[in-house]
Amino acid sequence: MTTSTITKVLPSHLQEPIIPSARGVSQEYGTVRRNPLAMESSVAAASVDNLNQLLADTLTLGSLYKKHHWQASGPHFYSIHLLFDKHYEEQEALADILAERIQTLGGVSIAMAHDVAETSMIPRCPKGREDTETQVKRLLQAHEVILLEARAMAREAAEHGDLGTNDIIVSNLIRLNELQVWFVVEHIQ
């Protein structure tokens, strides 16, 4: 592992911006402000919590695809390399949709890698390179985690009248993940 080229590190430089804002945090993570969406605050808050979980797992799956894209190997390298990158880009676009829905509902979307890692339900993978079959199985496991929670969350959103969240989960998240599972699972059939 390389060492840092920084010669003098002051703890304050690592904790605060160089020019701190006079206002600080404008809305704490985990809070939901009321937006005029004709929806109960408790419903919006529950959807924000669920969407943040899906967002954390979607960002984790996207990172997993990018890792496997970079570390692909074997006789099908080129096609796997391209497929994993395509799926990464699709997961990143989905993450944007989820984050914007969270903000629309008055919440604060999870955003930083360390927060995402703490929140994600997807098992952490090793830093090293894995063979293609293991990569594929790990991706399928991650998709299944997301699909299991997404189906339950979609039902909950619909039951509580949050049809916008239900639509995003069903039309965007579930459909994309099911399609990606199909493309990936064909490599081990």
C-alpha atoms as a PDB file:
ATOM      1  CA  MET A   1       0.000   0.000   0.000  1.00  0.00           C
ATOM      2  CA  THR A   2       1.365   3.441  -0.867  1.00  0.00           C
ATOM      3  CA  THR A   3       1.834   6.091   1.745  1.00  0.00           C
ATOM      4  CA  SER A   4       0.433   9.578   1.584  1.00  0.00           C
ATOM      5  CA  THR A   5       2.537  12.402   0.206  1.00  0.00           C
ATOM      6  CA  ILE A   6       0.984  14.834   2.669  1.00  0.00           C
ATOM      7  CA  THR A   7       3.784  16.005   4.931  1.00  0.00           C
ATOM      8  CA  LYS A   8       1.799  17.776   7.643  1.00  0.00           C
ATOM      9  CA  VAL A   9      -1.686  16.740   8.619  1.00  0.00           C
ATOM     10  CA  LEU A  10      -3.660  18.742  11.106  1.00  0.00           C
ATOM     11  CA  PRO A  11      -6.696  16.892  12.492  1.00  0.00           C
ATOM     12  CA  SER A  12      -8.881  19.941  11.858  1.00  0.00           C
ATOM     13  CA  HIS A  13      -8.089  19.783   8.131  1.00  0.00           C
ATOM     14  CA  LEU A  14      -9.456  16.273   7.928  1.00  0.00           C
ATOM     15  CA  GLN A  15     -12.738  17.045   9.690  1.00  0.00           C
ATOM     16  CA  GLU A  16     -14.000  20.395   8.466  1.00  0.00           C
ATOM     17  CA  PRO A  17     -14.063  22.174   5.103  1.00  0.00           C
ATOM     18  CA  ILE A  18     -11.287  24.726   4.662  1.00  0.00           C
ATOM     19  CA  ILE A  19     -13.931  27.445   4.480  1.00  0.00           C
ATOM     20  CA  PRO A  20     -16.762  26.239   6.722  1.00  0.00           C
ATOM     21  CA  SER A  21     -20.301  27.309   6.020  1.00  0.00           C
ATOM     22  CA  ALA A  22     -21.818  29.723   8.492  1.00  0.00           C
ATOM     23  CA  ARG A  23     -25.076  27.765   8.323  1.00  0.00           C
ATOM     24  CA  GLY A  24     -23.825  24.181   8.576  1.00  0.00           C
ATOM     25  CA  VAL A  25     -26.182  21.278   7.899  1.00  0.00           C
ATOM     26  CA  SER A  26     -29.507  22.514   6.543  1.00  0.00           C
ATOM     27  CA  GLN A  27     -31.372  19.225   7.124  1.00  0.00           C
ATOM     28  CA  GLU A  28     -30.232  16.235   9.155  1.00  0.00           C
ATOM     29  CA  TYR A  29     -30.173  12.787   7.608  1.00  0.00           C
ATOM     30  CA  GLY A  30     -33.160  10.779   8.812  1.00  0.00           C
ATOM     31  CA  THR A  31     -35.487  13.770   8.974  1.00  0.00           C
ATOM     32  CA  VAL A  32     -38.310  14.483   6.553  1.00  0.00           C
ATOM     33  CA  ARG A  33     -39.674  17.935   5.913  1.00  0.00           C
ATOM     34  CA  ARG A  34     -43.261  18.274   4.830  1.00  0.00           C
ATOM     35  CA  ASN A  35     -43.719  18.924   1.125  1.00  0.00           C
ATOM     36  CA  PRO A  36     -47.218  19.626  -0.292  1.00  0.00           C
ATOM     37  CA  LEU A  37     -47.625  16.191  -1.901  1.00  0.00           C
ATOM     38  CA  ALA A  38     -51.100  15.323  -0.530  1.00  0.00           C
ATOM     39  CA  MET A  39     -49.456  12.602   1.567  1.00  0.00           C
ATOM     40  CA  GLU A  40     -49.272  11.989   5.298  1.00  0.00           C
ATOM     41  CA  SER A  41     -45.890  12.849   6.822  1.00  0.00           C
ATOM     42  CA  SER A  42     -45.618   9.370   8.323  1.00  0.00           C
ATOM     43  CA  VAL A  43     -46.113   7.789   4.886  1.00  0.00           C
ATOM     44  CA  ALA A  44     -43.440  10.011   3.333  1.00  0.00           C
ATOM     45  CA  ALA A  45     -41.050   9.227   6.208  1.00  0.00           C
ATOM     46  CA  ALA A  46     -41.549   5.466   5.819  1.00  0.00           C
ATOM     47  CA  SER A  47     -40.967   5.709   2.073  1.00  0.00           C
ATOM     48  CA  VAL A  48     -37.821   7.794   2.615  1.00  0.00           C
ATOM     49  CA  ASP A  49     -36.437   5.140   4.974  1.00  0.00           C
ATOM     50  CA  ASN A  50     -37.221   2.353   2.510  1.00  0.00           C
ATOM     51  CA  LEU A  51     -35.881   4.277  -0.477  1.00  0.00           C
ATOM     52  CA  ASN A  52     -32.641   5.071   1.356  1.00  0.00           C
ATOM     53  CA  GLN A  53     -32.165   1.348   1.982  1.00  0.00           C
ATOM     54  CA  LEU A  54     -32.775   0.622  -1.701  1.00  0.00           C
ATOM     55  CA  LEU A  55     -30.457   3.477  -2.656  1.00  0.00           C
ATOM     56  CA  ALA A  56     -27.655   2.148  -0.442  1.00  0.00           C
ATOM     57  CA  ASP A  57     -28.048  -1.323  -1.931  1.00  0.00           C
ATOM     58  CA  THR A  58     -28.286   0.023  -5.483  1.00  0.00           C
ATOM     59  CA  LEU A  59     -25.087   2.047  -5.029  1.00  0.00           C
ATOM     60  CA  THR A  60     -23.388  -1.028  -3.557  1.00  0.00           C
ATOM     61  CA  LEU A  61     -24.519  -3.197  -6.480  1.00  0.00           C
ATOM     62  CA  GLY A  62     -23.299  -0.543  -8.912  1.00  0.00           C
ATOM     63  CA  SER A  63     -19.895  -0.525  -7.192  1.00  0.00           C
ATOM     64  CA  LEU A  64     -19.830  -4.314  -7.323  1.00  0.00           C
ATOM     65  CA  TYR A  65     -20.465  -4.201 -11.075  1.00  0.00           C
ATOM     66  CA  LYS A  66     -17.669  -1.643 -11.545  1.00  0.00           C
ATOM     67  CA  LYS A  67     -15.258  -3.724  -9.434  1.00  0.00           C
ATOM     68  CA  HIS A  68     -16.016  -6.830 -11.488  1.00  0.00           C
ATOM     69  CA  HIS A  69     -15.786  -4.783 -14.713  1.00  0.00           C
ATOM     70  CA  TRP A  70     -12.248  -3.722 -13.787  1.00  0.00           C
ATOM     71  CA  GLN A  71     -11.249  -7.169 -12.554  1.00  0.00           C
ATOM     72  CA  ALA A  72     -12.886  -9.314 -15.253  1.00  0.00           C
ATOM     73  CA  SER A  73     -10.769 -12.092 -16.710  1.00  0.00           C
ATOM     74  CA  GLY A  74     -11.016 -15.338 -18.608  1.00  0.00           C
ATOM     75  CA  PRO A  75     -12.097 -16.527 -22.047  1.00  0.00           C
ATOM     76  CA  HIS A  76     -15.200 -14.305 -22.082  1.00  0.00           C
ATOM     77  CA  PHE A  77     -13.358 -11.244 -20.800  1.00  0.00           C
ATOM     78  CA  TYR A  78     -14.503  -8.777 -23.435  1.00  0.00           C
ATOM     79  CA  SER A  79     -18.223  -9.562 -23.298  1.00  0.00           C
ATOM     80  CA  ILE A  80     -18.267  -9.731 -19.471  1.00  0.00           C
ATOM     81  CA  HIS A  81     -16.213  -6.536 -19.233  1.00  0.00           C
ATOM     82  CA  LEU A  82     -18.736  -4.672 -21.407  1.00  0.00           C
ATOM     83  CA  LEU A  83     -21.800  -6.219 -19.761  1.00  0.00           C
ATOM     84  CA  PHE A  84     -20.656  -5.357 -16.242  1.00  0.00           C
ATOM     85  CA  ASP A  85     -19.942  -1.758 -17.275  1.00  0.00           C
ATOM     86  CA  LYS A  86     -23.363  -1.426 -18.926  1.00  0.00           C
ATOM     87  CA  HIS A  87     -25.050  -2.747 -15.789  1.00  0.00           C
ATOM     88  CA  TYR A  88     -22.988  -0.362 -13.642  1.00  0.00           C
ATOM     89  CA  GLU A  89     -24.201   2.606 -15.698  1.00  0.00           C
ATOM     90  CA  GLU A  90     -27.821   1.429 -15.434  1.00  0.00           C
ATOM     91  CA  GLN A  91     -27.534   1.036 -11.651  1.00  0.00           C
ATOM     92  CA  GLU A  92     -26.048   4.533 -11.376  1.00  0.00           C
ATOM     93  CA  ALA A  93     -28.965   5.984 -13.360  1.00  0.00           C
ATOM     94  CA  LEU A  94     -31.367   4.105 -11.083  1.00  0.00           C
ATOM     95  CA  ALA A  95     -29.588   5.492  -8.005  1.00  0.00           C
ATOM     96  CA  ASP A  96     -30.261   9.007  -9.305  1.00  0.00           C
ATOM     97  CA  ILE A  97     -33.980   8.252  -9.679  1.00  0.00           C
ATOM     98  CA  LEU A  98     -34.137   6.860  -6.131  1.00  0.00           C
ATOM     99  CA  ALA A  99     -32.210   9.804  -4.634  1.00  0.00           C
ATOM    100  CA  GLU A 100     -34.441  12.322  -6.391  1.00  0.00           C
ATOM    101  CA  ARG A 101     -37.574  10.570  -5.099  1.00  0.00           C
ATOM    102  CA  ILE A 102     -36.178  10.734  -1.554  1.00  0.00           C
ATOM    103  CA  GLN A 103     -35.573  14.466  -1.941  1.00  0.00           C
ATOM    104  CA  THR A 104     -39.041  14.946  -3.475  1.00  0.00           C
ATOM    105  CA  LEU A 105     -40.606  13.315  -0.419  1.00  0.00           C
ATOM    106  CA  GLY A 106     -38.734  15.794   1.798  1.00  0.00           C
ATOM    107  CA  GLY A 107     -35.996  13.433   2.945  1.00  0.00           C
ATOM    108  CA  VAL A 108     -32.229  13.448   2.668  1.00  0.00           C
ATOM    109  CA  SER A 109     -30.725  10.809   0.409  1.00  0.00           C
ATOM    110  CA  ILE A 110     -27.801   8.730   1.581  1.00  0.00           C
ATOM    111  CA  ALA A 111     -24.792   9.716  -0.485  1.00  0.00           C
ATOM    112  CA  MET A 112     -21.329   9.055   0.927  1.00  0.00           C
ATOM    113  CA  ALA A 113     -19.548   5.729   0.420  1.00  0.00           C
ATOM    114  CA  HIS A 114     -18.924   5.076   4.116  1.00  0.00           C
ATOM    115  CA  ASP A 115     -22.597   5.708   4.935  1.00  0.00           C
ATOM    116  CA  VAL A 116     -23.681   3.491   2.056  1.00  0.00           C
ATOM    117  CA  ALA A 117     -21.361   0.685   3.245  1.00  0.00           C
ATOM    118  CA  GLU A 118     -22.791   0.879   6.775  1.00  0.00           C
ATOM    119  CA  THR A 119     -26.374   0.770   5.485  1.00  0.00           C
ATOM    120  CA  SER A 120     -26.217  -1.767   2.651  1.00  0.00           C
ATOM    121  CA  MET A 121     -27.674  -5.238   3.189  1.00  0.00           C
ATOM    122  CA  ILE A 122     -25.473  -6.678   0.421  1.00  0.00           C
ATOM    123  CA  PRO A 123     -22.607  -8.776   1.824  1.00  0.00           C
ATOM    124  CA  ARG A 124     -19.206  -7.167   1.474  1.00  0.00           C
ATOM    125  CA  CYS A 125     -16.901  -8.713  -1.104  1.00  0.00           C
ATOM    126  CA  PRO A 126     -13.134  -9.212  -0.830  1.00  0.00           C
ATOM    127  CA  LYS A 127     -10.752  -6.594  -2.201  1.00  0.00           C
ATOM    128  CA  GLY A 128      -9.031  -9.154  -4.414  1.00  0.00           C
ATOM    129  CA  ARG A 129     -10.031 -10.432  -7.847  1.00  0.00           C
ATOM    130  CA  GLU A 130     -12.475 -13.318  -8.019  1.00  0.00           C
ATOM    131  CA  ASP A 131     -12.997 -15.709 -10.917  1.00  0.00           C
ATOM    132  CA  THR A 132     -15.868 -14.938 -13.288  1.00  0.00           C
ATOM    133  CA  GLU A 133     -18.197 -17.603 -11.891  1.00  0.00           C
ATOM    134  CA  THR A 134     -17.792 -16.227  -8.364  1.00  0.00           C
ATOM    135  CA  GLN A 135     -18.313 -12.685  -9.631  1.00  0.00           C
ATOM    136  CA  VAL A 136     -21.535 -13.733 -11.351  1.00  0.00           C
ATOM    137  CA  LYS A 137     -22.825 -15.560  -8.274  1.00  0.00           C
ATOM    138  CA  ARG A 138     -21.994 -12.572  -6.059  1.00  0.00           C
ATOM    139  CA  LEU A 139     -23.877 -10.233  -8.427  1.00  0.00           C
ATOM    140  CA  LEU A 140     -26.893 -12.540  -8.491  1.00  0.00           C
ATOM    141  CA  GLN A 141     -26.937 -12.665  -4.689  1.00  0.00           C
ATOM    142  CA  ALA A 142     -26.867  -8.851  -4.550  1.00  0.00           C
ATOM    143  CA  HIS A 143     -29.719  -8.611  -7.046  1.00  0.00           C
ATOM    144  CA  GLU A 144     -31.753 -11.056  -4.986  1.00  0.00           C
ATOM    145  CA  VAL A 145     -31.226  -8.995  -1.813  1.00  0.00           C
ATOM    146  CA  ILE A 146     -32.503  -5.912  -3.636  1.00  0.00           C
ATOM    147  CA  LEU A 147     -35.442  -7.694  -5.260  1.00  0.00           C
ATOM    148  CA  LEU A 148     -36.610  -9.242  -1.981  1.00  0.00           C
ATOM    149  CA  GLU A 149     -36.636  -5.920  -0.162  1.00  0.00           C
ATOM    150  CA  ALA A 150     -38.005  -4.016  -3.171  1.00  0.00           C
ATOM    151  CA  ARG A 151     -41.080  -6.204  -3.514  1.00  0.00           C
ATOM    152  CA  ALA A 152     -41.950  -5.769   0.172  1.00  0.00           C
ATOM    153  CA  MET A 153     -41.314  -2.023  -0.001  1.00  0.00           C
ATOM    154  CA  ALA A 154     -43.408  -1.623  -3.156  1.00  0.00           C
ATOM    155  CA  ARG A 155     -46.351  -3.357  -1.481  1.00  0.00           C
ATOM    156  CA  GLU A 156     -45.957  -1.170   1.620  1.00  0.00           C
ATOM    157  CA  ALA A 157     -45.852   2.035  -0.451  1.00  0.00           C
ATOM    158  CA  ALA A 158     -48.994   1.019  -2.366  1.00  0.00           C
ATOM    159  CA  GLU A 159     -50.858   0.021   0.810  1.00  0.00           C
ATOM    160  CA  HIS A 160     -50.114   3.446   2.331  1.00  0.00           C
ATOM    161  CA  GLY A 161     -51.060   5.413  -0.787  1.00  0.00           C
ATOM    162  CA  ASP A 162     -47.564   6.411  -1.940  1.00  0.00           C
ATOM    163  CA  LEU A 163     -48.152   5.443  -5.546  1.00  0.00           C
ATOM    164  CA  GLY A 164     -45.210   7.476  -6.844  1.00  0.00           C
ATOM    165  CA  THR A 165     -42.741   5.484  -4.761  1.00  0.00           C
ATOM    166  CA  ASN A 166     -44.501   2.239  -5.660  1.00  0.00           C
ATOM    167  CA  ASP A 167     -44.249   3.126  -9.356  1.00  0.00           C
ATOM    168  CA  ILE A 168     -40.514   3.864  -9.147  1.00  0.00           C
ATOM    169  CA  ILE A 169     -39.786   0.671  -7.233  1.00  0.00           C
ATOM    170  CA  VAL A 170     -41.848  -1.518  -9.584  1.00  0.00           C
ATOM    171  CA  SER A 171     -41.298   0.202 -12.936  1.00  0.00           C
ATOM    172  CA  ASN A 172     -37.662   1.167 -12.522  1.00  0.00           C
ATOM    173  CA  LEU A 173     -35.961  -0.839  -9.804  1.00  0.00           C
ATOM    174  CA  ILE A 174     -37.626  -4.249 -10.000  1.00  0.00           C
ATOM    175  CA  ARG A 175     -37.789  -4.326 -13.796  1.00  0.00           C
ATOM    176  CA  LEU A 176     -34.147  -3.270 -14.207  1.00  0.00           C
ATOM    177  CA  ASN A 177     -32.863  -5.735 -11.628  1.00  0.00           C
ATOM    178  CA  GLU A 178     -34.892  -8.606 -13.075  1.00  0.00           C
ATOM    179  CA  LEU A 179     -33.567  -7.839 -16.553  1.00  0.00           C
ATOM    180  CA  GLN A 180     -29.981  -7.646 -15.309  1.00  0.00           C
ATOM    181  CA  VAL A 181     -30.416 -10.966 -13.467  1.00  0.00           C
ATOM    182  CA  TRP A 182     -31.472 -12.569 -16.735  1.00  0.00           C
ATOM    183  CA  PHE A 183     -28.409 -11.251 -18.593  1.00  0.00           C
ATOM    184  CA  VAL A 184     -26.031 -12.290 -15.805  1.00  0.00           C
ATOM    185  CA  VAL A 185     -27.525 -15.702 -14.955  1.00  0.00           C
ATOM    186  CA  GLU A 186     -27.146 -16.830 -18.577  1.00  0.00           C
ATOM    187  CA  HIS A 187     -23.367 -16.888 -17.994  1.00  0.00           C
ATOM    188  CA  ILE A 188     -23.671 -19.807 -15.567  1.00  0.00           C
ATOM    189  CA  GLN A 189     -26.586 -21.756 -17.091  1.00  0.00           C
END
